[in-house]
Amino acid sequence: LAQGDADLEAPGLAYLPKPANTGTTLFQNVRIFDGRNPALSNAANVLVKGRTIERISSEPITVDASANVTVIAGNGRVLMPGLIDAHWHAFMAATPQMVLMTADPNYLQLLAARQAQATLMRGFTTVRDLGGPVFGLKRAIDEGVLVGPRIYPSGAFISQTSGHGDFRFSFEVPRQPGGPLSHSEVEGIAAIADSPDEVRLRQRRRRPSA
């Protein structure tokens, strides 16, 4: 069974520990962008052990042939640190608004998971999710159940009526304070707040962000 297929922890308990990354990866013939110098390096080789960059050299790096080593031939391509997206929405990144408002929530979560993997493959290893129900997606990625970037979630949008996060249908307005929640509020997408007291209430009822 793959990681996450068995013995998942009960809700509320600690996450499953991810398998330790103990393998070794050797990148050969790459040009390095380090995020500080605007120029790429000359052709270089990079040895990574576990989660640590152990050696960078313009000379060939030899490794133990019997070791668990993955060799990646860069062929002159660029090697760079993972990108960070400071404003992202996993739940709605690539899904039309009418689909978001009418489709089954489970289907939308599957689309979000696919978008998370696509985002990682584009080079983004960390994202700040600024609105949407992604706590479950974050947990699945953290546990190794799904492939995706590190997610720092914010939870539901807190929005005033007619604001950026007001996704209510026409039959869900007007609302009364303390009345039934709209569909988007029930699903954790938005939280409508039209007064200072309601802002405090919505914030304190949101699930904690990471």
Protein backbone atom coordinates (compact mmCIF):
# COMPACT_ATOMS: atom_id res chain seq x y z
CA LEU A 1 0.00 0.00 0.00
CA ALA A 2 1.11 3.56 -0.69
CA GLN A 3 1.70 6.09 2.08
CA GLY A 4 -1.69 7.18 3.39
CA ASP A 5 -3.58 4.09 2.19
CA ALA A 6 -3.74 2.42 5.59
CA ASP A 7 -3.74 3.26 9.28
CA LEU A 8 -4.77 6.88 8.84
CA GLU A 9 -5.02 8.70 12.14
CA ALA A 10 -8.43 9.50 13.60
CA PRO A 11 -9.61 13.13 13.24
CA GLY A 12 -7.98 15.43 15.73
CA LEU A 13 -4.86 13.34 16.25
CA ALA A 14 -1.40 14.08 14.94
CA TYR A 15 -0.71 13.85 11.22
CA LEU A 16 0.98 10.77 9.88
CA PRO A 17 4.71 11.41 9.65
CA LYS A 18 5.90 11.66 6.08
CA PRO A 19 8.58 9.16 5.09
CA ALA A 20 12.04 10.56 5.64
CA ASN A 21 13.70 11.62 2.43
CA THR A 22 16.97 9.73 2.73
CA GLY A 23 17.76 9.30 -0.95
CA THR A 24 20.51 11.05 -2.88
CA THR A 25 19.98 13.04 -6.07
CA LEU A 26 22.73 14.21 -8.41
CA PHE A 27 21.92 16.96 -10.91
CA GLN A 28 24.45 17.05 -13.73
CA ASN A 29 25.22 19.91 -16.12
CA VAL A 30 22.78 22.52 -14.84
CA ARG A 31 22.90 26.31 -14.76
CA ILE A 32 21.90 27.54 -11.32
CA PHE A 33 19.66 30.48 -10.46
CA ASP A 34 20.05 31.07 -6.73
CA GLY A 35 17.46 33.84 -6.30
CA ARG A 36 20.09 36.45 -5.42
CA ASN A 37 22.27 36.83 -8.49
CA PRO A 38 20.39 37.80 -11.67
CA ALA A 39 22.85 35.82 -13.78
CA LEU A 40 22.82 32.06 -14.17
CA SER A 41 25.88 30.12 -13.10
CA ASN A 42 28.15 28.32 -15.49
CA ALA A 43 27.50 24.63 -15.99
CA ALA A 44 27.59 22.92 -12.59
CA ASN A 45 26.72 19.72 -10.79
CA VAL A 46 24.64 19.60 -7.59
CA LEU A 47 24.52 16.77 -5.04
CA VAL A 48 21.49 16.62 -2.75
CA LYS A 49 21.29 14.17 0.15
CA GLY A 50 17.90 13.92 1.80
CA ARG A 51 16.74 17.52 2.11
CA THR A 52 20.25 19.02 2.16
CA ILE A 53 22.28 20.45 -0.73
CA GLU A 54 25.60 18.83 0.10
CA ARG A 55 27.80 19.97 -2.75
CA ILE A 56 27.87 22.26 -5.77
CA SER A 57 30.79 21.89 -8.15
CA SER A 58 31.82 22.78 -11.67
CA GLU A 59 33.79 19.54 -11.66
CA PRO A 60 32.15 16.10 -11.99
CA ILE A 61 30.81 14.72 -8.72
CA THR A 62 31.35 11.03 -8.11
CA VAL A 63 28.98 9.02 -5.96
CA ASP A 64 29.02 5.49 -4.61
CA ALA A 65 27.62 3.27 -7.33
CA SER A 66 26.00 1.04 -4.73
CA ALA A 67 24.18 3.94 -3.04
CA ASN A 68 20.56 4.86 -3.69
CA VAL A 69 21.31 7.70 -6.12
CA THR A 70 19.01 9.31 -8.67
CA VAL A 71 20.98 10.95 -11.46
CA ILE A 72 19.25 13.71 -13.42
CA ALA A 73 20.95 14.91 -16.59
CA GLY A 74 20.26 18.64 -16.81
CA ASN A 75 21.72 19.05 -20.30
CA GLY A 76 22.27 22.75 -19.64
CA ARG A 77 18.83 23.46 -18.21
CA VAL A 78 18.17 25.80 -15.27
CA LEU A 79 18.06 24.55 -11.67
CA MET A 80 16.48 26.95 -9.18
CA PRO A 81 14.80 27.07 -5.75
CA GLY A 82 11.07 26.41 -5.55
CA LEU A 83 8.83 29.41 -6.20
CA ILE A 84 6.41 30.82 -3.61
CA ASP A 85 2.99 32.10 -4.70
CA ALA A 86 1.80 34.62 -2.11
CA HIS A 87 -1.77 34.83 -3.48
CA TRP A 88 -3.38 31.60 -4.61
CA HIS A 89 -6.76 29.85 -4.40
CA ALA A 90 -6.50 26.08 -4.74
CA PHE A 91 -10.26 25.63 -4.63
CA MET A 92 -10.96 28.05 -7.48
CA ALA A 93 -7.69 28.51 -9.34
CA ALA A 94 -8.84 26.99 -12.61
CA THR A 95 -12.58 26.37 -12.15
CA PRO A 96 -15.26 28.62 -13.69
CA GLN A 97 -17.36 30.51 -11.15
CA MET A 98 -20.67 28.92 -12.17
CA VAL A 99 -19.13 25.47 -11.71
CA LEU A 100 -17.89 26.53 -8.29
CA MET A 101 -21.38 27.69 -7.34
CA THR A 102 -23.34 24.71 -8.62
CA ALA A 103 -21.15 21.58 -8.72
CA ASP A 104 -20.93 18.90 -6.05
CA PRO A 105 -18.39 19.99 -3.39
CA ASN A 106 -16.61 16.63 -3.56
CA TYR A 107 -16.05 17.10 -7.29
CA LEU A 108 -14.65 20.58 -6.64
CA GLN A 109 -12.20 19.19 -4.09
CA LEU A 110 -10.94 16.71 -6.68
CA LEU A 111 -10.39 19.58 -9.12
CA ALA A 112 -8.51 21.45 -6.39
CA ALA A 113 -6.26 18.44 -5.82
CA ARG A 114 -5.47 18.23 -9.53
CA GLN A 115 -4.71 21.95 -9.61
CA ALA A 116 -2.40 21.62 -6.60
CA GLN A 117 -0.32 19.00 -8.39
CA ALA A 118 -0.21 21.10 -11.56
CA THR A 119 0.93 24.10 -9.53
CA LEU A 120 3.77 22.10 -8.00
CA MET A 121 4.82 20.89 -11.44
CA ARG A 122 5.00 24.54 -12.56
CA GLY A 123 7.68 25.07 -9.92
CA PHE A 124 5.67 26.46 -7.00
CA THR A 125 6.63 24.52 -3.88
CA THR A 126 4.83 26.81 -1.41
CA VAL A 127 1.56 28.77 -1.71
CA ARG A 128 -0.38 31.11 0.53
CA ASP A 129 -4.04 30.23 -0.04
CA LEU A 130 -6.03 33.41 0.60
CA GLY A 131 -9.54 32.01 0.59
CA GLY A 132 -11.38 28.73 0.29
CA PRO A 133 -11.95 25.36 1.99
CA VAL A 134 -8.49 23.83 1.60
CA PHE A 135 -7.70 22.54 5.08
CA GLY A 136 -8.37 18.95 3.97
CA LEU A 137 -6.25 19.38 0.85
CA LYS A 138 -3.39 20.78 2.92
CA ARG A 139 -3.57 17.82 5.30
CA ALA A 140 -3.59 15.29 2.46
CA ILE A 141 -0.50 16.91 0.92
CA ASP A 142 1.28 17.15 4.27
CA GLU A 143 0.63 13.45 4.92
CA GLY A 144 1.85 12.40 1.48
CA VAL A 145 -1.61 11.22 0.39
CA LEU A 146 -1.64 13.75 -2.48
CA VAL A 147 1.06 15.57 -4.43
CA GLY A 148 1.14 19.33 -4.14
CA PRO A 149 2.88 22.37 -2.69
CA ARG A 150 3.03 23.37 0.97
CA ILE A 151 -0.21 25.25 1.62
CA TYR A 152 -0.62 28.02 4.17
CA PRO A 153 -4.43 28.34 4.31
CA SER A 154 -6.53 31.33 5.32
CA GLY A 155 -9.96 29.68 5.42
CA ALA A 156 -13.18 31.27 4.24
CA PHE A 157 -13.26 34.75 2.73
CA ILE A 158 -14.64 37.27 5.21
CA SER A 159 -16.64 39.64 3.03
CA GLN A 160 -19.31 42.29 3.38
CA THR A 161 -22.53 42.06 1.39
CA SER A 162 -21.73 42.59 -2.32
CA GLY A 163 -18.03 42.30 -1.49
CA HIS A 164 -15.33 40.29 -3.22
CA GLY A 165 -16.26 37.12 -1.33
CA ASP A 166 -20.06 37.36 -1.60
CA PHE A 167 -21.00 34.35 -3.73
CA ARG A 168 -24.65 34.10 -2.64
CA PHE A 169 -27.49 33.30 -4.99
CA SER A 170 -30.33 35.78 -5.47
CA PHE A 171 -32.68 33.61 -3.39
CA GLU A 172 -30.25 33.74 -0.45
CA VAL A 173 -30.57 37.51 0.03
CA PRO A 174 -31.50 39.55 1.94
CA ARG A 175 -30.23 37.94 5.11
CA GLN A 176 -30.99 38.52 8.74
CA PRO A 177 -28.23 38.52 11.39
CA GLY A 178 -28.16 35.08 12.93
CA GLY A 179 -30.19 33.61 10.05
CA PRO A 180 -29.39 30.49 7.99
CA LEU A 181 -26.01 30.37 6.28
CA SER A 182 -25.77 30.55 2.50
CA HIS A 183 -24.43 27.67 0.41
CA SER A 184 -20.97 29.21 0.08
CA GLU A 185 -20.81 29.79 3.83
CA VAL A 186 -21.83 26.23 4.64
CA GLU A 187 -19.07 24.92 2.35
CA GLY A 188 -16.45 27.14 4.00
CA ILE A 189 -15.85 29.30 0.93
CA ALA A 190 -17.06 32.60 2.35
CA ALA A 191 -18.25 34.24 5.56
CA ILE A 192 -20.50 37.29 5.22
CA ALA A 193 -19.97 40.03 7.81
CA ASP A 194 -21.74 43.40 7.70
CA SER A 195 -20.69 44.92 11.01
CA PRO A 196 -17.65 44.99 13.31
CA ASP A 197 -19.34 42.49 15.63
CA GLU A 198 -20.01 40.10 12.73
CA VAL A 199 -16.37 40.35 11.58
CA ARG A 200 -15.25 39.30 15.06
CA LEU A 201 -17.81 36.48 15.10
CA ARG A 202 -16.79 35.15 11.68
CA GLN A 203 -13.09 35.27 12.51
CA ARG A 204 -13.51 33.43 15.80
CA ARG A 205 -15.61 30.70 14.17
CA ARG A 206 -13.19 30.02 11.34
CA ARG A 207 -10.95 26.99 11.58
CA PRO A 208 -7.42 28.01 12.61
CA SER A 209 -5.10 28.77 9.72
CA ALA A 210 -1.56 27.42 9.58
